[in-house]
Amino acid sequence: MANTPSAKKAIRKIAARTEVNKDRRSRMRSFLRKVEEAIASGDKGAATAALKAAEPEMMRSAQKGVVHKNTASRKISRLSQRVKAIGA
């Protein structure tokens, strides 16, 4: 258990940041799930619209440090490949 005031404050800060990051991660995953569902249904228009909404959300979460920048880019790239393949 933390004894010093600074260590106690650090614990409070970490807890608060963890809550914010959980919310951000959950929001990001919701957007990704909408893209996945649109791809599964085979609706290219809906999938494109969902991807267009998910992309800035992913990059925002990368910018905020929730996920790594390369992870976000990789996920966007793979999703856009799958959306592109729907029509083919």
N, C-alpha and C. Protein backbone atom coordinates (compact mmCIF):
# COMPACT_ATOMS: atom_id res chain seq x y z
N MET A 1 0.85 -1.19 0.00
CA MET A 1 0.00 0.00 0.00
C MET A 1 0.88 1.24 0.00
N ALA A 2 0.45 2.25 -0.71
CA ALA A 2 1.21 3.50 -0.82
C ALA A 2 1.20 4.24 0.51
N ASN A 3 2.35 4.78 0.87
CA ASN A 3 2.45 5.52 2.13
C ASN A 3 2.59 7.01 1.93
N THR A 4 3.34 7.40 0.93
CA THR A 4 3.58 8.84 0.75
C THR A 4 2.40 9.50 0.05
N PRO A 5 2.21 10.78 0.32
CA PRO A 5 1.11 11.50 -0.35
C PRO A 5 1.22 11.46 -1.87
N SER A 6 2.45 11.54 -2.39
CA SER A 6 2.62 11.53 -3.84
C SER A 6 2.24 10.17 -4.43
N ALA A 7 2.55 9.10 -3.71
CA ALA A 7 2.20 7.76 -4.18
C ALA A 7 0.69 7.56 -4.14
N LYS A 8 0.04 8.11 -3.12
CA LYS A 8 -1.42 8.01 -3.01
C LYS A 8 -2.08 8.78 -4.15
N LYS A 9 -1.53 9.95 -4.46
CA LYS A 9 -2.07 10.75 -5.57
C LYS A 9 -1.86 10.01 -6.89
N ALA A 10 -0.71 9.39 -7.04
CA ALA A 10 -0.43 8.63 -8.27
C ALA A 10 -1.45 7.52 -8.46
N ILE A 11 -1.81 6.86 -7.38
CA ILE A 11 -2.81 5.79 -7.46
C ILE A 11 -4.15 6.35 -7.91
N ARG A 12 -4.54 7.51 -7.37
CA ARG A 12 -5.80 8.14 -7.79
C ARG A 12 -5.75 8.52 -9.27
N LYS A 13 -4.64 9.07 -9.71
CA LYS A 13 -4.50 9.48 -11.11
C LYS A 13 -4.58 8.27 -12.05
N ILE A 14 -3.91 7.20 -11.66
CA ILE A 14 -3.91 5.99 -12.49
C ILE A 14 -5.32 5.43 -12.60
N ALA A 15 -6.05 5.43 -11.48
CA ALA A 15 -7.43 4.92 -11.49
C ALA A 15 -8.31 5.76 -12.40
N ALA A 16 -8.15 7.07 -12.34
CA ALA A 16 -8.96 7.96 -13.17
C ALA A 16 -8.62 7.76 -14.64
N ARG A 17 -7.33 7.66 -14.97
CA ARG A 17 -6.91 7.46 -16.35
C ARG A 17 -7.39 6.12 -16.90
N THR A 18 -7.36 5.10 -16.02
CA THR A 18 -7.81 3.77 -16.44
C THR A 18 -9.27 3.81 -16.83
N GLU A 19 -10.09 4.53 -16.07
CA GLU A 19 -11.51 4.65 -16.39
C GLU A 19 -11.71 5.32 -17.75
N VAL A 20 -10.98 6.40 -17.99
CA VAL A 20 -11.10 7.12 -19.25
C VAL A 20 -10.68 6.22 -20.41
N ASN A 21 -9.57 5.51 -20.22
CA ASN A 21 -9.07 4.63 -21.29
C ASN A 21 -10.02 3.48 -21.55
N LYS A 22 -10.66 2.95 -20.52
CA LYS A 22 -11.65 1.88 -20.71
C LYS A 22 -12.81 2.37 -21.56
N ASP A 23 -13.27 3.58 -21.28
CA ASP A 23 -14.36 4.16 -22.07
C ASP A 23 -13.94 4.35 -23.52
N ARG A 24 -12.74 4.87 -23.71
CA ARG A 24 -12.25 5.09 -25.07
C ARG A 24 -12.10 3.78 -25.83
N ARG A 25 -11.56 2.76 -25.15
CA ARG A 25 -11.37 1.46 -25.79
C ARG A 25 -12.72 0.84 -26.15
N SER A 26 -13.67 0.97 -25.25
CA SER A 26 -15.01 0.43 -25.49
C SER A 26 -15.66 1.12 -26.68
N ARG A 27 -15.53 2.44 -26.75
CA ARG A 27 -16.10 3.21 -27.86
C ARG A 27 -15.47 2.78 -29.19
N MET A 28 -14.16 2.62 -29.17
CA MET A 28 -13.44 2.20 -30.38
C MET A 28 -13.92 0.82 -30.83
N ARG A 29 -14.04 -0.10 -29.89
CA ARG A 29 -14.48 -1.46 -30.22
C ARG A 29 -15.91 -1.47 -30.75
N SER A 30 -16.75 -0.58 -30.26
CA SER A 30 -18.13 -0.49 -30.76
C SER A 30 -18.13 -0.11 -32.23
N PHE A 31 -17.29 0.87 -32.58
CA PHE A 31 -17.20 1.28 -33.98
C PHE A 31 -16.68 0.14 -34.85
N LEU A 32 -15.68 -0.58 -34.34
CA LEU A 32 -15.12 -1.71 -35.09
C LEU A 32 -16.16 -2.81 -35.27
N ARG A 33 -16.96 -3.04 -34.24
CA ARG A 33 -17.98 -4.08 -34.31
C ARG A 33 -19.02 -3.74 -35.38
N LYS A 34 -19.37 -2.45 -35.49
CA LYS A 34 -20.33 -2.04 -36.52
C LYS A 34 -19.79 -2.32 -37.92
N VAL A 35 -18.49 -2.10 -38.11
CA VAL A 35 -17.88 -2.40 -39.41
C VAL A 35 -17.91 -3.91 -39.66
N GLU A 36 -17.55 -4.69 -38.65
CA GLU A 36 -17.55 -6.15 -38.77
C GLU A 36 -18.94 -6.67 -39.12
N GLU A 37 -19.96 -6.13 -38.46
CA GLU A 37 -21.33 -6.58 -38.72
C GLU A 37 -21.76 -6.22 -40.14
N ALA A 38 -21.37 -5.04 -40.61
CA ALA A 38 -21.72 -4.63 -41.97
C ALA A 38 -21.02 -5.51 -42.99
N ILE A 39 -19.77 -5.88 -42.71
CA ILE A 39 -19.03 -6.77 -43.61
C ILE A 39 -19.70 -8.15 -43.64
N ALA A 40 -20.08 -8.63 -42.46
CA ALA A 40 -20.72 -9.95 -42.36
C ALA A 40 -22.05 -9.99 -43.11
N SER A 41 -22.79 -8.87 -43.09
CA SER A 41 -24.07 -8.83 -43.78
C SER A 41 -23.90 -8.70 -45.29
N GLY A 42 -22.71 -8.30 -45.73
CA GLY A 42 -22.43 -8.17 -47.16
C GLY A 42 -22.92 -6.87 -47.77
N ASP A 43 -23.28 -5.91 -46.93
CA ASP A 43 -23.77 -4.61 -47.42
C ASP A 43 -22.58 -3.66 -47.58
N LYS A 44 -22.13 -3.46 -48.82
CA LYS A 44 -20.94 -2.66 -49.06
C LYS A 44 -21.14 -1.20 -48.67
N GLY A 45 -22.32 -0.65 -48.94
CA GLY A 45 -22.60 0.74 -48.59
C GLY A 45 -22.52 0.98 -47.09
N ALA A 46 -23.16 0.09 -46.33
CA ALA A 46 -23.14 0.22 -44.87
C ALA A 46 -21.73 0.01 -44.33
N ALA A 47 -21.01 -0.94 -44.91
CA ALA A 47 -19.65 -1.22 -44.46
C ALA A 47 -18.73 -0.03 -44.72
N THR A 48 -18.90 0.59 -45.87
CA THR A 48 -18.09 1.77 -46.21
C THR A 48 -18.39 2.91 -45.25
N ALA A 49 -19.67 3.13 -44.98
CA ALA A 49 -20.06 4.21 -44.07
C ALA A 49 -19.54 3.94 -42.65
N ALA A 50 -19.64 2.67 -42.22
CA ALA A 50 -19.17 2.31 -40.88
C ALA A 50 -17.66 2.47 -40.77
N LEU A 51 -16.95 2.11 -41.83
CA LEU A 51 -15.49 2.25 -41.83
C LEU A 51 -15.10 3.72 -41.80
N LYS A 52 -15.85 4.54 -42.54
CA LYS A 52 -15.57 5.99 -42.58
C LYS A 52 -15.75 6.61 -41.19
N ALA A 53 -16.69 6.06 -40.42
CA ALA A 53 -16.90 6.56 -39.05
C ALA A 53 -15.87 5.98 -38.08
N ALA A 54 -15.44 4.73 -38.32
CA ALA A 54 -14.53 4.05 -37.41
C ALA A 54 -13.10 4.55 -37.54
N GLU A 55 -12.72 4.95 -38.74
CA GLU A 55 -11.32 5.33 -38.97
C GLU A 55 -10.86 6.49 -38.08
N PRO A 56 -11.59 7.63 -38.03
CA PRO A 56 -11.13 8.70 -37.14
C PRO A 56 -11.17 8.30 -35.66
N GLU A 57 -12.12 7.44 -35.31
CA GLU A 57 -12.20 6.98 -33.92
C GLU A 57 -10.97 6.15 -33.56
N MET A 58 -10.55 5.30 -34.48
CA MET A 58 -9.35 4.49 -34.24
C MET A 58 -8.11 5.38 -34.11
N MET A 59 -7.97 6.34 -35.00
CA MET A 59 -6.79 7.20 -34.96
C MET A 59 -6.80 8.09 -33.72
N ARG A 60 -7.99 8.48 -33.29
CA ARG A 60 -8.10 9.29 -32.07
C ARG A 60 -7.64 8.47 -30.87
N SER A 61 -8.06 7.20 -30.81
CA SER A 61 -7.65 6.36 -29.69
C SER A 61 -6.15 6.10 -29.73
N ALA A 62 -5.58 6.02 -30.94
CA ALA A 62 -4.13 5.87 -31.05
C ALA A 62 -3.42 7.12 -30.56
N GLN A 63 -3.97 8.27 -30.93
CA GLN A 63 -3.38 9.54 -30.52
C GLN A 63 -3.43 9.71 -29.01
N LYS A 64 -4.49 9.20 -28.39
CA LYS A 64 -4.65 9.33 -26.94
C LYS A 64 -3.87 8.26 -26.18
N GLY A 65 -3.26 7.32 -26.92
CA GLY A 65 -2.44 6.32 -26.26
C GLY A 65 -3.18 5.08 -25.82
N VAL A 66 -4.42 4.90 -26.26
CA VAL A 66 -5.19 3.71 -25.88
C VAL A 66 -4.65 2.50 -26.63
N VAL A 67 -4.37 2.68 -27.93
CA VAL A 67 -3.72 1.64 -28.73
C VAL A 67 -2.52 2.28 -29.44
N HIS A 68 -1.61 1.45 -29.88
CA HIS A 68 -0.44 1.95 -30.58
C HIS A 68 -0.84 2.43 -31.97
N LYS A 69 -0.12 3.42 -32.47
CA LYS A 69 -0.43 4.01 -33.78
C LYS A 69 -0.40 2.97 -34.88
N ASN A 70 0.60 2.09 -34.84
CA ASN A 70 0.72 1.06 -35.88
C ASN A 70 -0.42 0.05 -35.80
N THR A 71 -0.87 -0.25 -34.59
CA THR A 71 -1.99 -1.17 -34.41
C THR A 71 -3.24 -0.60 -35.05
N ALA A 72 -3.49 0.67 -34.79
CA ALA A 72 -4.67 1.33 -35.37
C ALA A 72 -4.58 1.34 -36.89
N SER A 73 -3.42 1.68 -37.42
CA SER A 73 -3.24 1.72 -38.86
C SER A 73 -3.42 0.34 -39.47
N ARG A 74 -2.89 -0.67 -38.82
CA ARG A 74 -3.01 -2.04 -39.32
C ARG A 74 -4.47 -2.49 -39.36
N LYS A 75 -5.21 -2.19 -38.28
CA LYS A 75 -6.61 -2.58 -38.23
C LYS A 75 -7.42 -1.88 -39.32
N ILE A 76 -7.17 -0.59 -39.50
CA ILE A 76 -7.88 0.18 -40.53
C ILE A 76 -7.57 -0.39 -41.91
N SER A 77 -6.30 -0.68 -42.14
CA SER A 77 -5.88 -1.22 -43.43
C SER A 77 -6.56 -2.54 -43.72
N ARG A 78 -6.58 -3.43 -42.75
CA ARG A 78 -7.17 -4.76 -42.96
C ARG A 78 -8.69 -4.67 -43.13
N LEU A 79 -9.31 -3.78 -42.38
CA LEU A 79 -10.76 -3.61 -42.53
C LEU A 79 -11.10 -3.03 -43.89
N SER A 80 -10.32 -2.06 -44.35
CA SER A 80 -10.62 -1.45 -45.65
C SER A 80 -10.40 -2.46 -46.77
N GLN A 81 -9.44 -3.35 -46.61
CA GLN A 81 -9.26 -4.42 -47.60
C GLN A 81 -10.49 -5.31 -47.66
N ARG A 82 -11.01 -5.65 -46.48
CA ARG A 82 -12.20 -6.52 -46.43
C ARG A 82 -13.42 -5.83 -46.97
N VAL A 83 -13.57 -4.53 -46.71
CA VAL A 83 -14.71 -3.78 -47.24
C VAL A 83 -14.61 -3.71 -48.76
N LYS A 84 -13.41 -3.50 -49.24
CA LYS A 84 -13.17 -3.41 -50.69
C LYS A 84 -13.50 -4.73 -51.37
N ALA A 85 -13.26 -5.83 -50.70
CA ALA A 85 -13.47 -7.17 -51.29
C ALA A 85 -14.95 -7.56 -51.32
N ILE A 86 -15.82 -6.83 -50.65
CA ILE A 86 -17.25 -7.19 -50.61
C ILE A 86 -17.85 -7.19 -52.01
N GLY A 87 -17.58 -6.15 -52.78
CA GLY A 87 -18.17 -6.03 -54.11
C GLY A 87 -17.61 -7.03 -55.11
N ALA A 88 -16.36 -7.44 -54.89
CA ALA A 88 -15.68 -8.31 -55.86
C ALA A 88 -16.18 -9.75 -55.81
